[in-house]
Amino acid sequence: MNQLLRQTFASLKSSGRKAIALLLDPDKTSELEAFRVIELAEAHGVDFLLVGGSLTVDASIHTLVPAMKSRTKLPIILFPGSPTQITPSADGILFLSLISGRNPDLLIGRHVEAAPLLKGSGIEVLPTGYMLIDTGKPTTANYISNTQPIPHNKPEIALCTAIAGELLGLHQIYMDGGSGADSSISTEMIHAVSSRIDIPLIIGGGIRTQEDAMRIWHAGADVIVVGTALESDPSGSFIRDLGAAKSQIHAQSEMEFPQI
């Protein structure tokens, strides 16, 4: 089984390096817009392209992903809301188990439906503990999943949930404030989780500025995911800012811990 992406994510945690993932909603992203994002991503140090969402209205993902693959060597990873969003042209899939909720359909039910499609498909499967965090207002993910998010001021609940996911054998934890979140997940919660798990931590939701990204990376996130902010960034200035912030963090790290 292909494990290149799994090894890439794991190396982030072990090396202390940071990564950027851009999330494209196939219902809102034309091929032309995707090509624009790809050009900016390649120029400014983006590591992964995620495609998908909690709810997709049409089947555009099945044409968008192959078109993107024809334009870039960056890994394209599915972020599926349902098995209908699985397309074999992708490099990998975040096989999400919603461990913050108690909805059996999203803990294992949808996975049973998707398993025959994924087995032997060539898509690298990345078992991921998905945790919804309250960041100020109801989101599509909350509504569609029919679950309550973890309260923003309860880092101990997030920590115990993440540890449980790690002990169950999941390969990364994704804490998400949801699309259009009012604010990002607190640095207290991020640090509490990151400092106690040995698998990569992905953070998404409410990341709108370079300062947000720096704060979240410094708190312990290995990967940040930016989606909604791309929709209001036609110039690509935010992607450039993220790339600059990542380079700054890596430069600081090399000064503090020079390679021998």
Protein backbone atom coordinates (compact mmCIF):
# COMPACT_ATOMS: atom_id res chain seq x y z
CA MET A 1 0.00 0.00 0.00
CA ASN A 2 1.25 3.49 -0.91
CA GLN A 3 2.30 5.38 2.24
CA LEU A 4 4.07 8.44 0.83
CA LEU A 5 1.57 10.96 2.20
CA ARG A 6 1.40 9.18 5.55
CA GLN A 7 5.18 9.44 5.83
CA THR A 8 5.10 13.10 4.79
CA PHE A 9 2.58 13.98 7.51
CA ALA A 10 4.48 11.98 10.13
CA SER A 11 7.75 13.70 9.25
CA LEU A 12 6.19 17.09 9.99
CA LYS A 13 5.57 16.08 13.60
CA SER A 14 9.01 14.54 14.05
CA SER A 15 10.94 17.38 12.41
CA GLY A 16 8.97 20.32 13.76
CA ARG A 17 8.39 21.69 10.27
CA LYS A 18 5.07 23.28 9.33
CA ALA A 19 2.77 22.81 6.35
CA ILE A 20 -0.01 24.67 4.54
CA ALA A 21 -3.07 23.02 2.99
CA LEU A 22 -5.55 24.89 0.84
CA LEU A 23 -9.13 23.59 0.85
CA LEU A 24 -11.14 24.01 -2.34
CA ASP A 25 -14.90 23.55 -2.33
CA PRO A 26 -15.79 21.89 -5.67
CA ASP A 27 -19.19 23.61 -5.74
CA LYS A 28 -17.56 27.04 -5.52
CA THR A 29 -14.35 26.45 -7.48
CA SER A 30 -14.24 26.48 -11.27
CA GLU A 31 -11.36 24.85 -13.11
CA LEU A 32 -10.04 28.33 -13.98
CA GLU A 33 -10.10 29.36 -10.32
CA ALA A 34 -8.44 26.08 -9.29
CA PHE A 35 -5.65 26.71 -11.82
CA ARG A 36 -5.13 30.20 -10.35
CA VAL A 37 -4.89 28.77 -6.83
CA ILE A 38 -2.47 26.07 -8.02
CA GLU A 39 -0.17 28.65 -9.57
CA LEU A 40 -0.09 30.66 -6.33
CA ALA A 41 0.29 27.51 -4.22
CA GLU A 42 3.32 26.33 -6.17
CA ALA A 43 4.92 29.77 -6.00
CA HIS A 44 4.45 30.29 -2.26
CA GLY A 45 5.25 27.04 -0.48
CA VAL A 46 1.84 25.39 -0.13
CA ASP A 47 2.20 21.69 0.65
CA PHE A 48 -1.21 20.09 0.04
CA LEU A 49 -4.41 20.79 -1.88
CA LEU A 50 -7.60 19.48 -0.24
CA VAL A 51 -10.80 19.12 -2.22
CA GLY A 52 -14.25 18.51 -0.76
CA GLY A 53 -16.58 19.70 1.96
CA SER A 54 -19.43 18.87 4.30
CA LEU A 55 -22.00 19.21 1.54
CA THR A 56 -21.60 19.21 -2.24
CA VAL A 57 -24.56 19.93 -4.50
CA ASP A 58 -23.28 18.47 -7.75
CA ALA A 59 -20.65 16.02 -9.00
CA SER A 60 -18.12 18.67 -10.04
CA ILE A 61 -15.44 17.07 -7.86
CA HIS A 62 -15.15 14.25 -10.40
CA THR A 63 -14.09 16.66 -13.14
CA LEU A 64 -12.26 19.19 -10.97
CA VAL A 65 -9.73 16.79 -9.44
CA PRO A 66 -8.50 15.31 -12.76
CA ALA A 67 -8.19 18.83 -14.18
CA MET A 68 -6.11 19.88 -11.17
CA LYS A 69 -3.94 16.77 -11.48
CA SER A 70 -3.10 17.78 -15.04
CA ARG A 71 -1.69 21.10 -13.77
CA THR A 72 0.30 20.28 -10.63
CA LYS A 73 2.47 17.76 -8.83
CA LEU A 74 1.28 18.99 -5.43
CA PRO A 75 -0.58 16.23 -3.56
CA ILE A 76 -4.35 16.45 -4.05
CA ILE A 77 -6.17 14.98 -1.05
CA LEU A 78 -9.90 14.40 -0.73
CA PHE A 79 -11.66 15.92 2.26
CA PRO A 80 -14.95 14.06 1.82
CA GLY A 81 -18.32 14.76 3.33
CA SER A 82 -19.70 11.50 1.93
CA PRO A 83 -18.68 8.50 -0.23
CA THR A 84 -20.08 10.32 -3.28
CA GLN A 85 -17.07 12.64 -3.09
CA ILE A 86 -14.56 9.85 -3.72
CA THR A 87 -12.80 10.12 -7.06
CA PRO A 88 -9.90 7.82 -8.04
CA SER A 89 -7.87 10.64 -9.60
CA ALA A 90 -6.86 12.00 -6.17
CA ASP A 91 -3.54 11.14 -4.53
CA GLY A 92 -5.02 10.55 -1.09
CA ILE A 93 -8.09 10.79 1.10
CA LEU A 94 -8.56 11.93 4.67
CA PHE A 95 -10.56 8.93 5.92
CA LEU A 96 -12.38 10.96 8.55
CA SER A 97 -13.85 9.44 11.69
CA LEU A 98 -15.82 12.07 13.61
CA ILE A 99 -14.49 11.18 17.03
CA SER A 100 -15.77 14.37 18.68
CA GLY A 101 -19.39 13.30 18.07
CA ARG A 102 -21.55 10.32 18.88
CA ASN A 103 -23.11 9.84 15.46
CA PRO A 104 -22.34 6.21 14.50
CA ASP A 105 -22.87 7.00 10.82
CA LEU A 106 -19.83 9.30 10.85
CA LEU A 107 -17.78 7.22 13.26
CA ILE A 108 -17.92 4.07 11.09
CA GLY A 109 -21.11 3.87 8.99
CA ARG A 110 -20.00 5.92 5.97
CA HIS A 111 -16.61 4.20 6.13
CA VAL A 112 -18.27 0.83 5.52
CA GLU A 113 -19.92 2.30 2.40
CA ALA A 114 -16.66 3.79 1.17
CA ALA A 115 -14.35 0.86 1.91
CA PRO A 116 -15.09 -1.17 -1.26
CA LEU A 117 -14.53 1.96 -3.37
CA LEU A 118 -11.20 2.69 -1.73
CA LYS A 119 -9.79 -0.83 -1.54
CA GLY A 120 -7.48 -1.23 -4.48
CA SER A 121 -8.37 2.20 -5.90
CA GLY A 122 -4.79 3.47 -5.71
CA ILE A 123 -5.85 6.35 -3.46
CA GLU A 124 -3.67 6.55 -0.35
CA VAL A 125 -5.94 6.29 2.69
CA LEU A 126 -5.07 8.51 5.66
CA PRO A 127 -7.04 7.44 8.78
CA THR A 128 -7.88 10.72 10.49
CA GLY A 129 -9.59 11.56 13.78
CA TYR A 130 -11.89 14.48 12.95
CA MET A 131 -12.90 16.80 15.80
CA LEU A 132 -15.36 19.66 15.46
CA ILE A 133 -14.63 22.57 17.80
CA ASP A 134 -17.09 25.34 18.71
CA THR A 135 -15.71 28.63 17.37
CA GLY A 136 -18.65 30.96 17.76
CA LYS A 137 -21.49 29.99 15.43
CA PRO A 138 -23.17 26.92 13.93
CA THR A 139 -21.44 25.63 10.80
CA THR A 140 -22.45 23.39 7.92
CA ALA A 141 -20.34 20.59 9.41
CA ASN A 142 -22.24 20.80 12.72
CA TYR A 143 -25.60 20.69 10.97
CA ILE A 144 -24.79 17.91 8.51
CA SER A 145 -23.08 15.73 11.15
CA ASN A 146 -25.94 16.19 13.65
CA THR A 147 -23.40 16.45 16.48
CA GLN A 148 -22.38 18.99 19.08
CA PRO A 149 -18.89 20.46 18.71
CA ILE A 150 -16.43 20.37 21.60
CA PRO A 151 -16.79 23.63 23.61
CA HIS A 152 -14.05 26.13 22.77
CA ASN A 153 -13.10 26.51 26.44
CA LYS A 154 -12.74 22.80 27.20
CA PRO A 155 -9.21 21.87 26.10
CA GLU A 156 -9.24 18.85 28.40
CA ILE A 157 -12.11 17.29 26.43
CA ALA A 158 -10.27 17.90 23.17
CA LEU A 159 -7.09 16.41 24.63
CA CYS A 160 -8.74 13.22 25.87
CA THR A 161 -10.60 12.82 22.58
CA ALA A 162 -7.40 13.23 20.56
CA ILE A 163 -5.51 10.75 22.75
CA ALA A 164 -8.35 8.24 22.30
CA GLY A 165 -8.07 8.68 18.53
CA GLU A 166 -4.32 8.09 18.65
CA LEU A 167 -4.71 4.97 20.77
CA LEU A 168 -7.33 3.65 18.34
CA GLY A 169 -4.65 3.77 15.65
CA LEU A 170 -5.64 6.88 13.72
CA HIS A 171 -2.68 8.50 11.99
CA GLN A 172 -3.49 12.19 12.44
CA ILE A 173 -5.90 14.43 14.28
CA TYR A 174 -7.82 17.18 12.47
CA MET A 175 -9.43 19.80 14.73
CA ASP A 176 -11.81 21.97 12.73
CA GLY A 177 -13.72 25.11 13.59
CA GLY A 178 -15.76 24.64 10.43
CA SER A 179 -16.25 26.65 7.27
CA GLY A 180 -16.83 30.33 7.98
CA ALA A 181 -15.97 30.03 11.68
CA ASP A 182 -16.12 33.31 13.61
CA SER A 183 -12.73 32.66 15.18
CA SER A 184 -9.95 30.11 15.07
CA ILE A 185 -9.45 27.36 17.65
CA SER A 186 -7.76 28.67 20.80
CA THR A 187 -4.02 28.34 21.18
CA GLU A 188 -4.62 26.88 24.65
CA MET A 189 -6.55 23.96 23.14
CA ILE A 190 -4.07 23.49 20.29
CA HIS A 191 -1.11 23.39 22.67
CA ALA A 192 -2.89 21.05 25.10
CA VAL A 193 -3.52 18.53 22.30
CA SER A 194 -0.28 18.91 20.35
CA SER A 195 1.94 18.51 23.40
CA ARG A 196 0.36 15.19 24.41
CA ILE A 197 -0.03 13.30 21.14
CA ASP A 198 2.68 11.81 18.94
CA ILE A 199 0.78 12.04 15.66
CA PRO A 200 0.39 15.12 13.43
CA LEU A 201 -2.17 17.78 14.32
CA ILE A 202 -4.11 19.55 11.56
CA ILE A 203 -6.00 22.77 12.37
CA GLY A 204 -8.68 24.39 10.23
CA GLY A 205 -11.39 27.03 10.55
CA GLY A 206 -11.24 30.79 11.10
CA ILE A 207 -7.66 31.28 9.87
CA ARG A 208 -7.83 34.60 8.03
CA THR A 209 -4.51 36.38 8.61
CA GLN A 210 -0.79 35.72 8.66
CA GLU A 211 -0.89 36.40 12.40
CA ASP A 212 -3.55 33.72 12.89
CA ALA A 213 -1.34 31.20 11.09
CA MET A 214 1.78 32.10 13.08
CA ARG A 215 -0.09 31.88 16.38
CA ILE A 216 -1.56 28.47 15.54
CA TRP A 217 1.74 27.06 14.30
CA HIS A 218 3.56 28.31 17.40
CA ALA A 219 0.88 26.67 19.58
CA GLY A 220 1.77 23.30 18.08
CA ALA A 221 -0.18 22.75 14.86
CA ASP A 222 1.72 20.82 12.20
CA VAL A 223 -0.62 21.70 9.31
CA ILE A 224 -3.01 24.63 8.90
CA VAL A 225 -5.95 24.41 6.50
CA VAL A 226 -7.31 27.53 4.82
CA GLY A 227 -10.52 27.46 2.80
CA THR A 228 -13.08 30.22 3.23
CA ALA A 229 -10.42 32.94 3.28
CA LEU A 230 -9.41 31.98 -0.28
CA GLU A 231 -12.83 33.03 -1.56
CA SER A 232 -12.21 36.66 -0.57
CA ASP A 233 -8.57 36.74 -1.75
CA PRO A 234 -8.67 37.27 -5.54
CA SER A 235 -5.17 38.79 -5.54
CA GLY A 236 -3.62 35.81 -3.75
CA SER A 237 -2.03 38.06 -1.14
CA PHE A 238 -3.11 35.78 1.71
CA ILE A 239 -1.44 32.75 0.14
CA ARG A 240 1.75 34.80 -0.25
CA ASP A 241 1.51 35.87 3.39
CA LEU A 242 1.10 32.25 4.52
CA GLY A 243 4.15 31.18 2.53
CA ALA A 244 6.20 33.99 4.04
CA ALA A 245 5.03 33.07 7.55
CA LYS A 246 6.00 29.42 7.07
CA SER A 247 9.45 30.42 5.80
CA GLN A 248 9.88 32.70 8.80
CA ILE A 249 9.03 29.92 11.27
CA HIS A 250 11.44 27.51 9.56
CA ALA A 251 14.20 30.13 9.58
CA GLN A 252 13.65 30.77 13.30
CA SER A 253 13.75 27.03 13.98
CA GLU A 254 17.02 26.59 12.11
CA MET A 255 18.58 29.46 14.09
CA GLU A 256 17.49 27.93 17.40
CA PHE A 257 18.37 24.36 16.45
CA PRO A 258 21.08 24.52 13.76
CA GLN A 259 21.74 21.33 11.83
CA ILE A 260 25.04 19.69 12.75
